[in-house]
């Protein structure tokens, strides 16, 4: 089915149709069109389009990855107001995981869960230099050569560069040699500095995030792109975020997946000071999934359903709105769990059953989104 057929078959002769046709057929992204889609209450229509686009690409297959999250330190000096995980240096609850324990956790997870990826993320710890990460990555590659290292957000890369007084490129090149395969998209939040000045004033700027990602892509490190919505941003600022991701992807083709997720305010400073009391909920998630599938059509192939912050039921519905990937099992997750919001890890069988119960075919993938086996 052609893209033009998708939109005409579902709804004919409307402003929504004209906007979607313009994006799908002309690959023409304009800020006002993105704002229009993000403001639209037509969640069912948008979902039908997103689902059709997903089905054209993947049929009934929905992927997932067996992985663990390894939060190597909670020491952080950026003090983001949306984070319940970090602890300042010297805090009695602060920690940094030793290399021996890191390797032990990964070897255990490989043996017991056959993980294909370690998602390696933590705080911005000013005491950790690049040798800490090189040593760990080299050892992971030696002990578990088929476990991909998907680690270190752009803001963590910036922190390492500042500690070592070196360039982002040098840090990325050294870590790539040590075994870093791809970067997660964390640290983006909303790529508009007016938002960052409110929720994360000490973290890298929007432009720096984009520059680090572009540098990574140019030296062969792929990455994810993310969006944390539901703090203080406007609809227009969400649209600008999507546009910036699309513009970079047109230049580099380095983003493997886009992952929108809803801010969880529980136990965060943003909630304590009364800025945001509640998470956005399912309506905005499903709309964001559908709009993202339309906007990134032909640009970013994979769209994660974000069960971590929205729950497994919403992740199932997200498949019907354009998401093709359930994400990972996330064994050992600590960041979102610090909010006390919900269970933040699943076993593979939980994901397989969730996918099968919708009439889809579960497919295990690797870090590069290659399909390994079906269930």
Protein backbone atom coordinates (compact mmCIF):
# COMPACT_ATOMS: atom_id res chain seq x y z
CA UNK A 1 0.00 0.00 0.00
CA UNK A 2 1.42 3.39 -0.96
CA UNK A 3 1.62 6.23 1.56
CA UNK A 4 -0.93 8.28 -0.38
CA UNK A 5 -3.36 5.36 -0.30
CA UNK A 6 -3.00 5.06 3.46
CA UNK A 7 -4.22 8.57 4.15
CA UNK A 8 -6.95 8.59 1.47
CA UNK A 9 -8.37 5.25 2.58
CA UNK A 10 -8.67 6.28 6.22
CA UNK A 11 -10.08 9.79 5.93
CA UNK A 12 -10.74 11.78 2.82
CA UNK A 13 -10.83 15.50 2.18
CA UNK A 14 -9.82 16.90 5.58
CA UNK A 15 -7.13 19.22 6.87
CA UNK A 16 -5.61 16.26 8.68
CA UNK A 17 -5.45 14.32 5.42
CA UNK A 18 -3.79 17.22 3.61
CA UNK A 19 -1.20 17.70 6.36
CA UNK A 20 -0.32 14.00 6.55
CA UNK A 21 -0.17 13.69 2.75
CA UNK A 22 2.19 16.62 2.58
CA UNK A 23 4.55 15.02 5.10
CA UNK A 24 4.38 11.46 3.74
CA UNK A 25 4.48 12.17 0.03
CA UNK A 26 6.62 15.31 -0.11
CA UNK A 27 8.77 14.56 2.97
CA UNK A 28 8.23 18.22 3.73
CA UNK A 29 8.42 19.01 7.44
CA UNK A 30 7.26 22.42 8.56
CA UNK A 31 6.88 23.53 12.15
CA UNK A 32 3.23 24.59 11.78
CA UNK A 33 2.25 21.19 10.38
CA UNK A 34 3.92 19.41 13.29
CA UNK A 35 2.19 21.71 15.76
CA UNK A 36 -1.13 21.01 14.06
CA UNK A 37 -0.68 17.23 14.37
CA UNK A 38 0.47 17.43 17.99
CA UNK A 39 -2.55 19.54 18.89
CA UNK A 40 -5.02 17.38 16.99
CA UNK A 41 -7.61 15.52 19.09
CA UNK A 42 -8.01 12.98 16.25
CA UNK A 43 -6.12 10.26 18.09
CA UNK A 44 -8.00 7.40 16.39
CA UNK A 45 -7.32 8.71 12.90
CA UNK A 46 -3.68 9.39 13.66
CA UNK A 47 -3.40 5.90 15.16
CA UNK A 48 -4.81 4.30 12.02
CA UNK A 49 -2.20 6.07 9.93
CA UNK A 50 0.63 5.20 12.30
CA UNK A 51 -0.45 1.57 12.42
CA UNK A 52 -0.68 1.37 8.62
CA UNK A 53 2.83 2.78 8.23
CA UNK A 54 4.16 0.31 10.81
CA UNK A 55 2.38 -2.60 9.16
CA UNK A 56 3.80 -1.68 5.74
CA UNK A 57 7.29 -1.94 7.21
CA UNK A 58 7.02 -4.89 9.59
CA UNK A 59 3.75 -6.71 9.07
CA UNK A 60 2.77 -8.46 12.28
CA UNK A 61 6.30 -8.60 13.73
CA UNK A 62 7.03 -6.66 16.92
CA UNK A 63 10.58 -6.74 18.24
CA UNK A 64 12.21 -6.62 21.67
CA UNK A 65 15.68 -7.11 23.11
CA UNK A 66 16.92 -9.09 26.11
CA UNK A 67 19.02 -6.56 28.00
CA UNK A 68 19.98 -5.16 31.36
CA UNK A 69 20.39 -1.59 32.50
CA UNK A 70 23.54 -1.02 34.44
CA UNK A 71 23.36 2.27 36.32
CA UNK A 72 27.04 2.48 37.19
CA UNK A 73 26.80 5.54 39.47
CA UNK A 74 24.12 7.76 40.97
CA UNK A 75 26.61 10.51 41.78
CA UNK A 76 25.64 13.53 39.71
CA UNK A 77 26.46 17.23 39.59
CA UNK A 78 23.80 18.37 37.13
CA UNK A 79 20.96 18.20 39.69
CA UNK A 80 18.17 17.90 37.11
CA UNK A 81 14.82 18.86 38.61
CA UNK A 82 13.05 15.96 36.88
CA UNK A 83 15.30 13.24 38.35
CA UNK A 84 14.65 11.23 41.52
CA UNK A 85 17.69 8.99 40.98
CA UNK A 86 20.74 11.19 41.48
CA UNK A 87 22.65 11.90 44.68
CA UNK A 88 25.21 14.70 45.09
CA UNK A 89 28.88 13.82 45.70
CA UNK A 90 29.47 12.70 49.26
CA UNK A 91 25.82 11.84 49.95
CA UNK A 92 25.32 8.83 52.20
CA UNK A 93 23.21 7.12 49.50
CA UNK A 94 25.65 7.80 46.66
CA UNK A 95 27.45 4.91 44.95
CA UNK A 96 29.79 4.02 42.11
CA UNK A 97 29.83 0.39 41.02
CA UNK A 98 33.23 -1.30 40.84
CA UNK A 99 34.46 -2.88 37.63
CA UNK A 100 34.35 -6.31 39.26
CA UNK A 101 30.69 -5.98 40.21
CA UNK A 102 29.78 -4.60 36.79
CA UNK A 103 31.35 -7.57 35.04
CA UNK A 104 29.76 -9.97 37.53
CA UNK A 105 26.29 -8.56 36.82
CA UNK A 106 26.74 -8.75 33.06
CA UNK A 107 28.15 -12.29 33.10
CA UNK A 108 25.29 -13.40 35.35
CA UNK A 109 22.70 -11.80 33.07
CA UNK A 110 24.28 -13.35 29.99
CA UNK A 111 24.28 -16.80 31.56
CA UNK A 112 20.76 -16.61 33.01
CA UNK A 113 18.88 -14.36 30.57
CA UNK A 114 21.00 -14.58 27.40
CA UNK A 115 21.13 -10.79 27.16
CA UNK A 116 22.20 -9.20 23.89
CA UNK A 117 22.79 -5.68 25.22
CA UNK A 118 23.88 -3.79 28.29
CA UNK A 119 22.40 -0.31 28.59
CA UNK A 120 25.18 1.44 30.48
CA UNK A 121 24.10 4.75 32.01
CA UNK A 122 24.57 6.75 35.17
CA UNK A 123 25.00 10.17 36.70
CA UNK A 124 27.49 12.88 35.81
CA UNK A 125 30.23 11.87 38.20
CA UNK A 126 33.22 14.26 38.16
CA UNK A 127 35.54 11.62 39.64
CA UNK A 128 35.26 9.17 36.74
CA UNK A 129 37.75 9.66 33.93
CA UNK A 130 37.83 7.99 30.55
CA UNK A 131 40.10 5.19 31.75
CA UNK A 132 37.32 3.97 34.08
CA UNK A 133 35.03 3.47 31.09
CA UNK A 134 37.72 2.10 28.75
CA UNK A 135 38.74 -0.50 31.31
CA UNK A 136 35.14 -1.62 31.86
CA UNK A 137 34.22 -1.71 28.17
CA UNK A 138 37.36 -3.64 27.23
CA UNK A 139 36.61 -6.18 29.97
CA UNK A 140 32.96 -6.54 28.91
CA UNK A 141 34.10 -7.20 25.35
CA UNK A 142 36.60 -9.79 26.60
CA UNK A 143 34.20 -11.62 28.94
CA UNK A 144 30.96 -11.25 26.92
CA UNK A 145 31.91 -10.46 23.33
CA UNK A 146 28.36 -10.87 21.99
CA UNK A 147 26.80 -8.42 24.49
CA UNK A 148 26.62 -5.01 22.82
CA UNK A 149 27.42 -1.91 24.86
CA UNK A 150 24.68 0.67 24.32
CA UNK A 151 25.83 3.32 26.71
CA UNK A 152 26.59 6.84 27.85
CA UNK A 153 24.27 9.65 26.89
CA UNK A 154 25.58 12.73 25.11
CA UNK A 155 25.63 14.58 28.43
CA UNK A 156 27.73 11.81 30.00
CA UNK A 157 30.14 12.01 27.05
CA UNK A 158 30.40 15.75 27.71
CA UNK A 159 31.13 15.10 31.39
CA UNK A 160 33.93 12.64 30.55
CA UNK A 161 35.41 15.15 28.10
CA UNK A 162 35.42 17.85 30.77
CA UNK A 163 37.01 15.55 33.36
CA UNK A 164 39.72 14.57 30.87
CA UNK A 165 40.03 18.04 29.31
CA UNK A 166 39.62 16.53 25.87
CA UNK A 167 37.23 16.87 22.94
CA UNK A 168 33.95 15.05 22.49
CA UNK A 169 35.36 13.43 19.37
CA UNK A 170 38.43 12.09 21.17
CA UNK A 171 36.29 10.63 23.96
CA UNK A 172 33.92 8.99 21.46
CA UNK A 173 36.77 7.57 19.38
CA UNK A 174 38.53 6.08 22.39
CA UNK A 175 35.35 4.58 23.79
CA UNK A 176 34.39 3.21 20.37
CA UNK A 177 37.74 1.43 20.19
CA UNK A 178 37.13 0.07 23.70
CA UNK A 179 33.81 -1.45 22.64
CA UNK A 180 31.09 1.22 22.82
CA UNK A 181 28.69 0.28 20.03
CA UNK A 182 25.91 2.86 20.28
CA UNK A 183 24.63 5.78 22.34
CA UNK A 184 21.23 6.03 24.06
CA UNK A 185 19.31 9.23 23.50
CA UNK A 186 19.12 10.34 27.13
CA UNK A 187 19.95 13.94 27.93
CA UNK A 188 17.83 15.30 25.10
CA UNK A 189 14.67 15.85 27.17
CA UNK A 190 13.25 18.64 24.98
CA UNK A 191 15.83 20.10 22.59
CA UNK A 192 14.88 23.69 23.33
CA UNK A 193 17.11 25.63 25.71
CA UNK A 194 14.23 27.60 27.22
CA UNK A 195 12.94 24.30 28.58
CA UNK A 196 16.37 23.08 29.68
CA UNK A 197 16.98 26.30 31.61
CA UNK A 198 14.01 25.41 33.80
CA UNK A 199 14.33 21.65 34.26
CA UNK A 200 18.07 20.97 33.79
CA UNK A 201 20.04 24.24 33.77
CA UNK A 202 23.41 22.57 34.44
CA UNK A 203 23.12 19.99 31.66
CA UNK A 204 24.45 20.42 28.12
CA UNK A 205 22.61 22.69 25.70
CA UNK A 206 20.38 21.45 22.92
CA UNK A 207 23.01 22.31 20.32
CA UNK A 208 25.72 20.43 22.22
CA UNK A 209 23.53 17.33 22.39
CA UNK A 210 22.98 17.50 18.64
CA UNK A 211 26.68 18.10 17.95
CA UNK A 212 27.77 15.13 20.08
CA UNK A 213 25.26 12.89 18.30
CA UNK A 214 26.42 14.11 14.90
CA UNK A 215 30.06 13.49 15.84
CA UNK A 216 29.20 9.97 17.04
CA UNK A 217 27.34 9.20 13.82
CA UNK A 218 30.25 10.43 11.69
CA UNK A 219 32.71 8.05 13.39
CA UNK A 220 30.39 5.06 13.09
CA UNK A 221 28.58 5.07 16.44
CA UNK A 222 24.83 4.74 15.94
CA UNK A 223 22.38 6.03 18.51
CA UNK A 224 18.82 6.34 19.69
CA UNK A 225 16.93 9.61 19.82
CA UNK A 226 14.60 10.28 22.72
CA UNK A 227 12.07 12.83 23.87
CA UNK A 228 10.92 13.34 27.44
CA UNK A 229 7.67 15.25 27.26
CA UNK A 230 5.28 16.42 29.97
CA UNK A 231 7.38 18.82 32.04
CA UNK A 232 7.11 22.53 31.21
CA UNK A 233 7.35 22.47 27.42
CA UNK A 234 4.74 23.78 24.99
CA UNK A 235 3.36 21.93 21.99
CA UNK A 236 5.48 24.15 19.74
CA UNK A 237 8.61 23.18 21.67
CA UNK A 238 7.78 19.49 21.23
CA UNK A 239 7.40 20.13 17.52
CA UNK A 240 10.78 21.88 17.39
CA UNK A 241 12.35 18.88 19.11
CA UNK A 242 10.98 16.51 16.46
CA UNK A 243 12.15 18.84 13.70
CA UNK A 244 15.70 19.00 15.06
CA UNK A 245 15.91 15.21 15.28
CA UNK A 246 14.62 14.90 11.69
CA UNK A 247 17.07 17.49 10.37
CA UNK A 248 20.05 15.73 11.95
CA UNK A 249 18.86 12.35 10.71
CA UNK A 250 18.67 13.67 7.14
CA UNK A 251 22.37 14.53 7.39
CA UNK A 252 23.73 11.47 9.17
CA UNK A 253 21.21 8.60 9.12
CA UNK A 254 22.70 7.64 12.47
CA UNK A 255 19.56 7.33 14.61
CA UNK A 256 18.37 3.72 14.81
CA UNK A 257 15.22 4.42 16.82
CA UNK A 258 13.10 7.17 18.32
CA UNK A 259 11.79 6.74 21.87
CA UNK A 260 9.25 9.23 23.24
CA UNK A 261 8.48 8.86 26.91
CA UNK A 262 6.33 10.63 29.43
CA UNK A 263 7.90 12.40 32.38
CA UNK A 264 7.16 10.71 35.71
CA UNK A 265 7.02 13.49 38.36
CA UNK A 266 6.79 11.32 41.49
CA UNK A 267 9.50 12.13 44.07
CA UNK A 268 11.13 14.75 41.83
CA UNK A 269 11.89 18.40 42.57
CA UNK A 270 9.49 19.44 39.81
CA UNK A 271 6.66 17.81 41.75
CA UNK A 272 7.84 19.08 45.13
CA UNK A 273 7.78 22.71 43.99
CA UNK A 274 4.40 22.24 42.32
CA UNK A 275 5.46 22.75 38.70
CA UNK A 276 4.13 19.39 37.52
CA UNK A 277 1.95 17.14 39.67
CA UNK A 278 0.92 14.33 37.33
CA UNK A 279 2.24 12.34 34.37
CA UNK A 280 0.67 13.14 30.98
CA UNK A 281 -1.04 9.77 30.62
CA UNK A 282 -1.98 7.51 27.74
CA UNK A 283 -3.70 9.95 25.39
CA UNK A 284 -0.55 11.99 24.83
CA UNK A 285 1.60 8.87 24.51
CA UNK A 286 -0.53 7.38 21.75
CA UNK A 287 -0.71 10.69 19.91
CA UNK A 288 3.06 11.13 20.21
CA UNK A 289 3.67 7.62 18.88
CA UNK A 290 1.40 8.19 15.87
CA UNK A 291 2.80 11.63 15.06
CA UNK A 292 6.37 10.35 15.42
CA UNK A 293 5.70 7.50 12.97
CA UNK A 294 4.35 10.02 10.45
CA UNK A 295 7.09 12.62 10.96
CA UNK A 296 9.96 10.11 10.85
CA UNK A 297 8.54 8.06 7.98
CA UNK A 298 11.48 7.19 5.72
CA UNK A 299 13.93 8.72 8.22
CA UNK A 300 13.98 6.68 11.44
CA UNK A 301 12.84 3.09 11.02
CA UNK A 302 12.13 2.03 14.58
CA UNK A 303 9.82 3.46 17.19
CA UNK A 304 9.78 2.12 20.75
CA UNK A 305 6.55 1.75 22.69
CA UNK A 306 8.00 3.06 25.96
CA UNK A 307 6.56 0.54 28.45
CA UNK A 308 9.01 1.71 31.13
CA UNK A 309 7.24 4.97 31.95
CA UNK A 310 3.77 4.19 30.60
CA UNK A 311 3.22 0.58 31.61
CA UNK A 312 2.83 -2.59 29.59
CA UNK A 313 -0.84 -1.99 28.72
CA UNK A 314 -0.11 1.37 27.11
CA UNK A 315 2.89 -0.14 25.34
CA UNK A 316 0.54 -2.69 23.78
CA UNK A 317 -1.77 0.06 22.56
CA UNK A 318 1.22 1.98 21.21
CA UNK A 319 1.85 -0.87 18.74
CA UNK A 320 -1.54 -0.12 17.19
CA UNK A 321 -0.50 3.52 16.84
CA UNK A 322 2.78 2.95 15.01
CA UNK A 323 5.37 1.55 17.40
CA UNK A 324 7.23 -1.55 16.16
CA UNK A 325 9.52 -2.25 19.10
CA UNK A 326 8.73 -3.08 22.72
CA UNK A 327 12.18 -2.06 23.93
CA UNK A 328 14.16 -4.15 26.38
CA UNK A 329 13.64 -6.32 29.42
CA UNK A 330 15.56 -3.68 31.42
CA UNK A 331 16.70 -5.99 34.20
CA UNK A 332 18.28 -3.98 37.01
CA UNK A 333 16.71 -0.60 36.14
CA UNK A 334 17.13 2.01 38.89
CA UNK A 335 16.39 5.47 37.48
CA UNK A 336 12.64 5.32 36.88
CA UNK A 337 12.21 2.92 39.78
CA UNK A 338 13.55 5.70 42.03
CA UNK A 339 10.23 7.48 41.48
CA UNK A 340 8.38 4.49 42.91
CA UNK A 341 6.04 4.66 39.94
CA UNK A 342 5.83 1.01 38.90
CA UNK A 343 7.77 -2.17 38.24
CA UNK A 344 10.63 -1.27 35.93
CA UNK A 345 11.79 -4.62 34.62
CA UNK A 346 10.21 -7.42 32.64
CA UNK A 347 11.35 -10.88 31.69
CA UNK A 348 11.33 -11.89 28.05
CA UNK A 349 8.29 -14.12 28.55
CA UNK A 350 6.28 -11.15 29.84
CA UNK A 351 7.02 -9.20 26.66
CA UNK A 352 6.46 -12.23 24.41
CA UNK A 353 3.06 -12.88 25.99
CA UNK A 354 2.10 -9.21 25.79
CA UNK A 355 2.89 -9.15 22.07
CA UNK A 356 1.19 -12.47 21.34
CA UNK A 357 -1.95 -11.46 23.22
CA UNK A 358 -2.49 -8.70 20.65
CA UNK A 359 -2.19 -11.09 17.73
CA UNK A 360 1.33 -10.02 16.80
CA UNK A 361 4.50 -12.07 16.34
CA UNK A 362 7.28 -11.45 18.90
CA UNK A 363 10.77 -11.18 17.42
CA UNK A 364 13.94 -11.01 19.48
CA UNK A 365 16.43 -8.51 18.07
CA UNK A 366 20.00 -7.44 18.72
CA UNK A 367 21.42 -3.98 19.38
CA UNK A 368 21.39 -3.12 15.66
CA UNK A 369 17.71 -4.09 15.30
CA UNK A 370 18.55 -7.23 13.33
CA UNK A 371 15.96 -9.93 13.95
CA UNK A 372 17.37 -13.03 15.66
CA UNK A 373 14.41 -15.35 16.22
CA UNK A 374 10.63 -15.39 16.32
CA UNK A 375 8.33 -16.89 18.94
